[in-house]
N, C-alpha and C. Protein backbone atom coordinates (compact mmCIF):
# COMPACT_ATOMS: atom_id res chain seq x y z
N MET A 1 -29.33 -174.39 -16.96
CA MET A 1 -28.56 -175.51 -16.87
C MET A 1 -28.11 -175.80 -15.59
N ARG A 2 -27.39 -174.82 -14.52
CA ARG A 2 -26.65 -175.27 -13.55
C ARG A 2 -28.14 -176.11 -12.34
N SER A 3 -29.37 -175.53 -12.94
CA SER A 3 -30.70 -176.23 -11.75
C SER A 3 -30.65 -177.41 -12.26
N ASP A 4 -30.18 -178.03 -13.69
CA ASP A 4 -30.39 -179.61 -13.88
C ASP A 4 -29.56 -180.51 -13.37
N PHE A 5 -28.68 -180.05 -11.92
CA PHE A 5 -27.60 -180.90 -11.75
C PHE A 5 -28.03 -180.86 -10.03
N PRO A 6 -28.13 -181.57 -9.17
CA PRO A 6 -28.75 -181.60 -8.11
C PRO A 6 -27.24 -182.10 -7.24
N PHE A 7 -26.35 -182.38 -7.67
CA PHE A 7 -25.49 -183.24 -6.81
C PHE A 7 -23.80 -182.40 -7.29
N TRP A 8 -23.11 -181.94 -6.59
CA TRP A 8 -21.98 -180.69 -6.85
C TRP A 8 -20.75 -181.36 -5.99
N THR A 9 -19.78 -181.36 -7.19
CA THR A 9 -18.31 -181.86 -6.67
C THR A 9 -17.54 -180.20 -6.89
N GLU A 10 -16.42 -179.80 -6.13
CA GLU A 10 -15.39 -178.78 -6.78
C GLU A 10 -14.27 -179.36 -6.56
N GLU A 11 -13.51 -179.09 -7.43
CA GLU A 11 -11.80 -179.86 -7.56
C GLU A 11 -11.18 -178.58 -7.93
N LYS A 12 -9.84 -178.41 -7.46
CA LYS A 12 -8.60 -177.45 -7.70
C LYS A 12 -8.02 -177.82 -9.34
N LEU A 13 -7.72 -176.88 -9.89
CA LEU A 13 -7.06 -177.33 -11.01
C LEU A 13 -5.49 -177.25 -10.75
N ARG A 14 -4.61 -178.00 -11.39
CA ARG A 14 -3.31 -178.25 -10.77
C ARG A 14 -2.54 -177.93 -12.08
N ILE A 15 -1.32 -177.46 -11.95
CA ILE A 15 -0.43 -176.93 -13.17
C ILE A 15 -0.41 -178.21 -14.16
N GLN A 16 -0.02 -179.45 -13.32
CA GLN A 16 0.12 -180.63 -14.16
C GLN A 16 -0.94 -181.09 -14.99
N ASP A 17 -2.25 -180.22 -14.70
CA ASP A 17 -3.63 -180.88 -15.51
C ASP A 17 -3.06 -179.91 -16.82
N THR A 18 -2.11 -179.09 -17.41
CA THR A 18 -2.28 -178.23 -18.68
C THR A 18 -1.44 -178.89 -19.39
N ASP A 19 -1.48 -178.93 -20.89
CA ASP A 19 -0.56 -179.43 -21.80
C ASP A 19 0.53 -178.68 -22.35
N PHE A 20 1.10 -179.05 -23.20
CA PHE A 20 1.90 -178.03 -24.31
C PHE A 20 1.29 -177.00 -24.84
N ASN A 21 -0.32 -176.88 -25.12
CA ASN A 21 -1.08 -176.01 -25.80
C ASN A 21 -1.43 -174.65 -24.78
N GLY A 22 -1.10 -175.31 -23.62
CA GLY A 22 -1.23 -174.26 -22.37
C GLY A 22 -2.55 -174.18 -21.88
N HIS A 23 -3.86 -175.31 -22.20
CA HIS A 23 -4.85 -175.33 -21.67
C HIS A 23 -4.89 -176.83 -20.88
N VAL A 24 -6.19 -176.82 -20.20
CA VAL A 24 -6.24 -178.23 -19.04
C VAL A 24 -6.54 -178.94 -20.30
N ASN A 25 -5.81 -180.48 -20.03
CA ASN A 25 -5.64 -181.34 -21.01
C ASN A 25 -6.85 -182.15 -20.97
N ASN A 26 -7.52 -183.01 -22.17
CA ASN A 26 -8.36 -183.67 -22.32
C ASN A 26 -8.50 -184.84 -21.22
N ALA A 27 -7.33 -185.48 -21.26
CA ALA A 27 -7.36 -186.65 -19.81
C ALA A 27 -7.58 -186.11 -18.59
N SER A 28 -7.12 -184.67 -18.23
CA SER A 28 -7.46 -184.22 -16.78
C SER A 28 -8.98 -183.71 -16.77
N ILE A 29 -9.74 -183.43 -17.98
CA ILE A 29 -11.34 -183.16 -17.79
C ILE A 29 -11.50 -184.68 -17.73
N ALA A 30 -11.38 -185.57 -18.34
CA ALA A 30 -11.83 -186.75 -17.91
C ALA A 30 -11.81 -187.08 -16.86
N ALA A 31 -10.95 -186.89 -15.79
CA ALA A 31 -10.37 -187.08 -14.35
C ALA A 31 -11.25 -186.16 -13.56
N LEU A 32 -11.47 -184.84 -13.55
CA LEU A 32 -12.44 -184.10 -13.05
C LEU A 32 -14.03 -184.81 -13.29
N CYS A 33 -14.34 -185.49 -14.20
CA CYS A 33 -15.62 -185.99 -14.45
C CYS A 33 -15.65 -187.33 -13.54
N GLU A 34 -14.49 -187.82 -13.56
CA GLU A 34 -14.17 -189.29 -12.52
C GLU A 34 -14.52 -188.95 -10.99
N ALA A 35 -13.86 -187.46 -10.92
CA ALA A 35 -13.91 -187.02 -9.53
C ALA A 35 -15.58 -186.93 -9.13
N GLY A 36 -16.34 -186.53 -10.00
CA GLY A 36 -17.96 -186.33 -9.65
C GLY A 36 -18.63 -187.43 -10.01
N ARG A 37 -17.96 -188.51 -10.61
CA ARG A 37 -19.06 -189.83 -10.24
C ARG A 37 -18.27 -190.37 -8.97
N GLY A 38 -16.89 -190.43 -8.81
CA GLY A 38 -16.75 -191.11 -7.40
C GLY A 38 -17.39 -190.49 -6.26
N ASP A 39 -17.55 -189.11 -6.37
CA ASP A 39 -18.07 -188.70 -5.17
C ASP A 39 -19.81 -188.87 -4.77
N ILE A 40 -20.18 -188.77 -6.18
CA ILE A 40 -21.96 -189.43 -6.13
C ILE A 40 -21.77 -191.02 -5.56
N ILE A 41 -21.08 -191.67 -6.57
CA ILE A 41 -21.20 -193.00 -5.87
C ILE A 41 -21.03 -193.28 -4.47
N PHE A 42 -19.99 -192.44 -3.88
CA PHE A 42 -19.70 -192.34 -2.43
C PHE A 42 -20.93 -192.00 -1.54
N ALA A 43 -21.49 -190.58 -2.11
CA ALA A 43 -22.71 -190.24 -1.27
C ALA A 43 -23.84 -191.17 -1.14
N VAL A 44 -23.94 -191.78 -2.16
CA VAL A 44 -25.26 -192.74 -2.13
C VAL A 44 -25.35 -194.00 -1.61
N CYS A 45 -23.55 -194.62 -1.98
CA CYS A 45 -23.42 -196.28 -1.85
C CYS A 45 -22.52 -196.21 -0.41
N GLY A 46 -21.60 -195.47 -0.33
CA GLY A 46 -20.87 -195.68 1.01
C GLY A 46 -19.20 -195.60 0.68
N LEU A 47 -18.43 -196.31 1.19
CA LEU A 47 -17.03 -196.41 0.78
C LEU A 47 -16.66 -197.74 0.21
N PRO A 48 -16.06 -197.54 -1.06
CA PRO A 48 -15.99 -198.82 -1.60
C PRO A 48 -15.44 -200.11 -0.95
N HIS A 49 -14.60 -200.01 0.18
CA HIS A 49 -14.40 -201.31 1.10
C HIS A 49 -15.43 -201.85 1.75
N GLY A 50 -16.53 -200.53 2.06
CA GLY A 50 -17.58 -201.38 2.84
C GLY A 50 -18.83 -201.80 2.21
N ARG A 51 -18.50 -202.18 0.96
CA ARG A 51 -19.91 -202.62 0.26
C ARG A 51 -19.50 -203.98 -0.73
N GLY A 52 -20.50 -204.83 -1.20
CA GLY A 52 -20.27 -205.92 -1.83
C GLY A 52 -20.18 -205.66 -3.21
N TYR A 53 -20.70 -204.55 -3.56
CA TYR A 53 -20.40 -204.15 -5.11
C TYR A 53 -19.62 -203.23 -5.58
N SER A 54 -18.63 -203.05 -6.81
CA SER A 54 -18.16 -201.80 -7.06
C SER A 54 -18.98 -201.85 -8.49
N ALA A 55 -18.37 -200.18 -9.07
CA ALA A 55 -18.97 -199.54 -9.99
C ALA A 55 -18.01 -199.34 -11.04
N ALA A 56 -18.29 -200.20 -12.10
CA ALA A 56 -17.37 -200.49 -13.22
C ALA A 56 -17.92 -199.08 -14.60
N LEU A 57 -16.80 -198.50 -14.78
CA LEU A 57 -17.41 -197.49 -16.21
C LEU A 57 -17.35 -198.27 -17.44
N ARG A 58 -18.54 -198.66 -17.81
CA ARG A 58 -18.97 -199.16 -19.06
C ARG A 58 -18.71 -198.15 -20.29
N LYS A 59 -19.32 -196.81 -20.12
CA LYS A 59 -19.26 -195.78 -21.23
C LYS A 59 -19.39 -194.54 -20.72
N VAL A 60 -17.89 -193.85 -21.36
CA VAL A 60 -18.08 -192.20 -21.08
C VAL A 60 -18.35 -191.61 -22.43
N THR A 61 -18.63 -190.49 -22.58
CA THR A 61 -18.99 -189.71 -23.56
C THR A 61 -18.56 -187.84 -23.31
N LEU A 62 -17.45 -187.49 -23.96
CA LEU A 62 -17.01 -186.54 -23.19
C LEU A 62 -17.65 -185.46 -24.60
N GLU A 63 -17.98 -184.02 -24.09
CA GLU A 63 -17.83 -183.33 -25.39
C GLU A 63 -17.25 -181.87 -24.65
N TYR A 64 -16.24 -181.40 -25.31
CA TYR A 64 -15.47 -180.08 -25.03
C TYR A 64 -16.06 -179.22 -25.49
N LEU A 65 -16.54 -178.16 -24.64
CA LEU A 65 -17.18 -177.06 -25.16
C LEU A 65 -16.23 -175.40 -25.55
N ALA A 66 -15.23 -175.49 -24.72
CA ALA A 66 -14.36 -174.56 -24.69
C ALA A 66 -12.92 -174.98 -23.99
N GLU A 67 -12.00 -174.05 -24.20
CA GLU A 67 -10.68 -174.50 -23.48
C GLU A 67 -11.06 -173.82 -22.05
N VAL A 68 -9.89 -174.40 -21.09
CA VAL A 68 -10.10 -173.86 -19.93
C VAL A 68 -8.59 -173.92 -19.44
N HIS A 69 -8.12 -172.99 -18.53
CA HIS A 69 -6.70 -172.81 -18.15
C HIS A 69 -6.62 -172.74 -16.70
N TYR A 70 -5.67 -173.22 -16.25
CA TYR A 70 -5.06 -173.06 -14.81
C TYR A 70 -4.75 -171.73 -14.48
N PRO A 71 -4.88 -171.08 -13.46
CA PRO A 71 -5.66 -171.79 -12.19
C PRO A 71 -6.69 -171.90 -11.93
N GLY A 72 -7.35 -172.27 -11.02
CA GLY A 72 -8.73 -171.98 -10.67
C GLY A 72 -9.65 -173.30 -9.94
N GLN A 73 -10.91 -173.03 -9.78
CA GLN A 73 -11.59 -173.96 -9.46
C GLN A 73 -12.30 -174.62 -10.31
N VAL A 74 -13.00 -175.86 -10.33
CA VAL A 74 -13.83 -176.50 -11.22
C VAL A 74 -15.06 -177.00 -10.58
N ARG A 75 -16.17 -176.49 -11.06
CA ARG A 75 -17.38 -177.13 -10.28
C ARG A 75 -17.92 -178.22 -11.34
N ILE A 76 -18.58 -179.16 -10.64
CA ILE A 76 -18.81 -180.22 -11.48
C ILE A 76 -20.18 -180.54 -11.05
N GLY A 77 -21.08 -180.75 -11.73
CA GLY A 77 -22.45 -180.67 -11.56
C GLY A 77 -22.86 -182.39 -12.41
N THR A 78 -23.49 -183.29 -11.35
CA THR A 78 -24.10 -184.57 -11.69
C THR A 78 -25.50 -184.81 -11.44
N ALA A 79 -26.09 -185.40 -12.44
CA ALA A 79 -27.45 -185.61 -12.59
C ALA A 79 -27.21 -186.94 -12.60
N VAL A 80 -28.49 -187.90 -12.28
CA VAL A 80 -28.47 -189.15 -12.42
C VAL A 80 -29.70 -189.21 -13.81
N ALA A 81 -29.53 -189.53 -14.93
CA ALA A 81 -30.08 -189.46 -16.22
C ALA A 81 -31.12 -190.61 -16.23
N ARG A 82 -30.71 -192.03 -16.06
CA ARG A 82 -30.95 -193.14 -16.19
C ARG A 82 -31.02 -194.03 -15.11
N LEU A 83 -32.06 -194.86 -14.44
CA LEU A 83 -31.75 -195.85 -13.43
C LEU A 83 -31.65 -197.54 -14.30
N GLY A 84 -31.00 -198.10 -14.58
CA GLY A 84 -31.28 -199.57 -14.98
C GLY A 84 -31.39 -200.47 -13.59
N ASN A 85 -31.20 -201.60 -14.32
CA ASN A 85 -31.42 -202.65 -13.43
C ASN A 85 -30.34 -202.75 -12.58
N THR A 86 -28.90 -202.51 -13.12
CA THR A 86 -27.60 -203.21 -12.70
C THR A 86 -26.94 -201.64 -13.05
N SER A 87 -27.51 -200.63 -13.41
CA SER A 87 -26.77 -199.85 -14.08
C SER A 87 -27.21 -198.44 -13.63
N VAL A 88 -26.60 -197.35 -13.43
CA VAL A 88 -26.43 -196.22 -13.55
C VAL A 88 -26.15 -195.05 -14.61
N THR A 89 -26.82 -194.44 -15.50
CA THR A 89 -26.63 -193.49 -16.19
C THR A 89 -26.41 -192.03 -15.43
N VAL A 90 -25.26 -191.25 -15.72
CA VAL A 90 -25.37 -189.83 -14.94
C VAL A 90 -24.84 -188.72 -16.24
N THR A 91 -25.54 -187.89 -16.02
CA THR A 91 -24.87 -186.66 -16.83
C THR A 91 -24.15 -185.48 -15.92
N GLN A 92 -23.02 -185.10 -16.29
CA GLN A 92 -22.37 -183.89 -15.97
C GLN A 92 -22.15 -182.79 -16.90
N ALA A 93 -22.11 -181.64 -16.07
CA ALA A 93 -21.47 -180.24 -16.78
C ALA A 93 -20.46 -179.79 -15.68
N LEU A 94 -19.10 -179.21 -16.38
CA LEU A 94 -18.12 -178.96 -15.93
C LEU A 94 -17.98 -177.24 -15.85
N PHE A 95 -18.03 -176.78 -14.77
CA PHE A 95 -17.98 -174.98 -14.69
C PHE A 95 -16.93 -174.65 -14.50
N LYS A 96 -15.94 -173.36 -15.03
CA LYS A 96 -14.97 -172.70 -14.28
C LYS A 96 -15.15 -171.30 -14.58
N ASP A 97 -15.18 -170.60 -13.48
CA ASP A 97 -15.92 -169.03 -13.45
C ASP A 97 -17.17 -168.78 -14.23
N GLY A 98 -17.72 -169.85 -13.75
CA GLY A 98 -19.24 -169.40 -14.03
C GLY A 98 -19.93 -170.25 -15.40
N ALA A 99 -18.72 -170.25 -16.22
CA ALA A 99 -18.82 -170.82 -17.66
C ALA A 99 -18.75 -172.36 -17.78
N CYS A 100 -19.52 -172.88 -18.55
CA CYS A 100 -19.62 -174.54 -18.80
C CYS A 100 -18.53 -174.62 -19.96
N PHE A 101 -17.57 -175.19 -19.70
CA PHE A 101 -16.68 -175.97 -20.50
C PHE A 101 -16.69 -177.14 -20.94
N ALA A 102 -17.52 -178.41 -20.16
CA ALA A 102 -17.36 -179.42 -21.06
C ALA A 102 -18.49 -180.16 -20.33
N THR A 103 -18.92 -181.40 -21.10
CA THR A 103 -20.06 -182.37 -20.75
C THR A 103 -19.87 -183.42 -20.77
N ALA A 104 -20.57 -184.18 -20.27
CA ALA A 104 -20.29 -185.71 -19.76
C ALA A 104 -21.28 -186.68 -19.71
N GLU A 105 -21.63 -187.56 -20.54
CA GLU A 105 -22.50 -188.65 -19.97
C GLU A 105 -21.84 -190.03 -19.88
N SER A 106 -22.29 -190.71 -18.19
CA SER A 106 -21.26 -191.96 -18.62
C SER A 106 -22.15 -192.95 -17.96
N VAL A 107 -21.90 -194.48 -18.28
CA VAL A 107 -22.63 -195.20 -17.79
C VAL A 107 -22.21 -196.16 -16.80
N LEU A 108 -22.60 -196.45 -15.66
CA LEU A 108 -21.96 -196.91 -14.78
C LEU A 108 -22.64 -198.60 -14.28
N VAL A 109 -21.85 -199.63 -14.50
CA VAL A 109 -22.35 -201.01 -13.86
C VAL A 109 -21.98 -201.42 -12.67
N PHE A 110 -22.78 -201.78 -11.85
CA PHE A 110 -22.60 -202.28 -10.58
C PHE A 110 -22.36 -203.64 -10.68
N VAL A 111 -21.24 -204.23 -10.08
CA VAL A 111 -20.55 -205.70 -10.36
C VAL A 111 -20.54 -206.20 -9.07
N ASP A 112 -21.06 -207.48 -8.84
CA ASP A 112 -20.56 -208.49 -7.56
C ASP A 112 -19.26 -208.74 -7.29
N ARG A 113 -18.82 -207.80 -6.10
CA ARG A 113 -17.50 -208.35 -6.02
C ARG A 113 -16.66 -209.72 -6.05
N ALA A 114 -17.87 -210.63 -5.45
CA ALA A 114 -17.30 -212.06 -5.45
C ALA A 114 -17.80 -212.71 -7.07
N THR A 115 -18.49 -212.35 -7.48
CA THR A 115 -19.00 -212.96 -8.74
C THR A 115 -18.05 -212.64 -10.13
N ARG A 116 -17.79 -210.92 -9.97
CA ARG A 116 -17.66 -210.01 -10.83
C ARG A 116 -18.46 -210.16 -12.16
N ARG A 117 -19.69 -210.24 -11.65
CA ARG A 117 -20.57 -210.36 -12.77
C ARG A 117 -21.72 -208.74 -12.32
N PRO A 118 -22.16 -208.29 -13.29
CA PRO A 118 -23.55 -207.18 -13.04
C PRO A 118 -24.51 -208.00 -11.89
N ALA A 119 -24.81 -206.65 -11.19
CA ALA A 119 -26.00 -207.30 -10.34
C ALA A 119 -26.97 -206.13 -9.70
N PRO A 120 -27.74 -206.61 -9.89
CA PRO A 120 -29.08 -205.69 -9.17
C PRO A 120 -28.61 -204.50 -7.94
N LEU A 121 -28.60 -203.33 -8.66
CA LEU A 121 -28.67 -202.33 -7.28
C LEU A 121 -29.65 -202.46 -6.37
N PRO A 122 -29.00 -202.59 -5.20
CA PRO A 122 -29.72 -202.86 -4.03
C PRO A 122 -30.75 -201.72 -3.47
N ASP A 123 -31.90 -201.88 -3.02
CA ASP A 123 -33.13 -200.73 -2.77
C ASP A 123 -32.75 -199.92 -2.35
N ASP A 124 -32.03 -199.73 -1.44
CA ASP A 124 -31.19 -198.33 -0.80
C ASP A 124 -30.73 -197.59 -1.97
N TRP A 125 -29.61 -198.23 -2.65
CA TRP A 125 -28.90 -197.27 -3.61
C TRP A 125 -30.02 -196.79 -4.74
N ARG A 126 -31.27 -197.90 -4.93
CA ARG A 126 -31.92 -197.01 -6.20
C ARG A 126 -32.53 -195.92 -5.65
N ALA A 127 -32.90 -195.97 -4.31
CA ALA A 127 -33.85 -194.92 -4.04
C ALA A 127 -32.78 -193.72 -3.46
N GLY A 128 -31.60 -193.88 -3.09
CA GLY A 128 -30.23 -192.61 -3.23
C GLY A 128 -30.19 -192.26 -4.74
N PHE A 129 -29.96 -192.99 -5.78
CA PHE A 129 -29.78 -192.28 -7.07
C PHE A 129 -31.10 -191.80 -7.72
N ALA A 130 -32.25 -192.22 -7.28
CA ALA A 130 -33.92 -191.75 -7.89
C ALA A 130 -33.76 -190.57 -6.88
N ARG A 131 -33.35 -189.95 -5.84
CA ARG A 131 -33.40 -188.74 -5.48
C ARG A 131 -32.49 -187.66 -6.17
N LEU A 132 -31.50 -188.10 -7.08
CA LEU A 132 -30.72 -187.28 -7.84
C LEU A 132 -31.20 -187.16 -9.00
N GLN A 133 -32.15 -188.17 -9.41
CA GLN A 133 -32.76 -187.53 -11.01
C GLN A 133 -33.17 -185.97 -11.35
């Protein structure tokens, strides 16, 4: 499964990520996924303020496979599952201590900052995301 992901991000769990049940909260797991998505967008597209398009999250599906607890490091594997004209679908798997505890699939739509409408991916971005399929 790890070999399915060409792009990796690592995040530290924080005490504030836990909830009353003593495990890492579902909202914190969603934030870990967001960190992985943000890093892959940055790697391909550059800094947000330096580009004419923004990435809008259209859809995210999370599957929680096991409880995870503070403290520790989380490794987030990300791969491009599909390239559309104006969108990218990424899949992710989150690991702690070598075990996968959650998976996600997200659709990101790229929006022209001036018109606020979906815009075709620039060729260099398309090539960058294609390398991560």
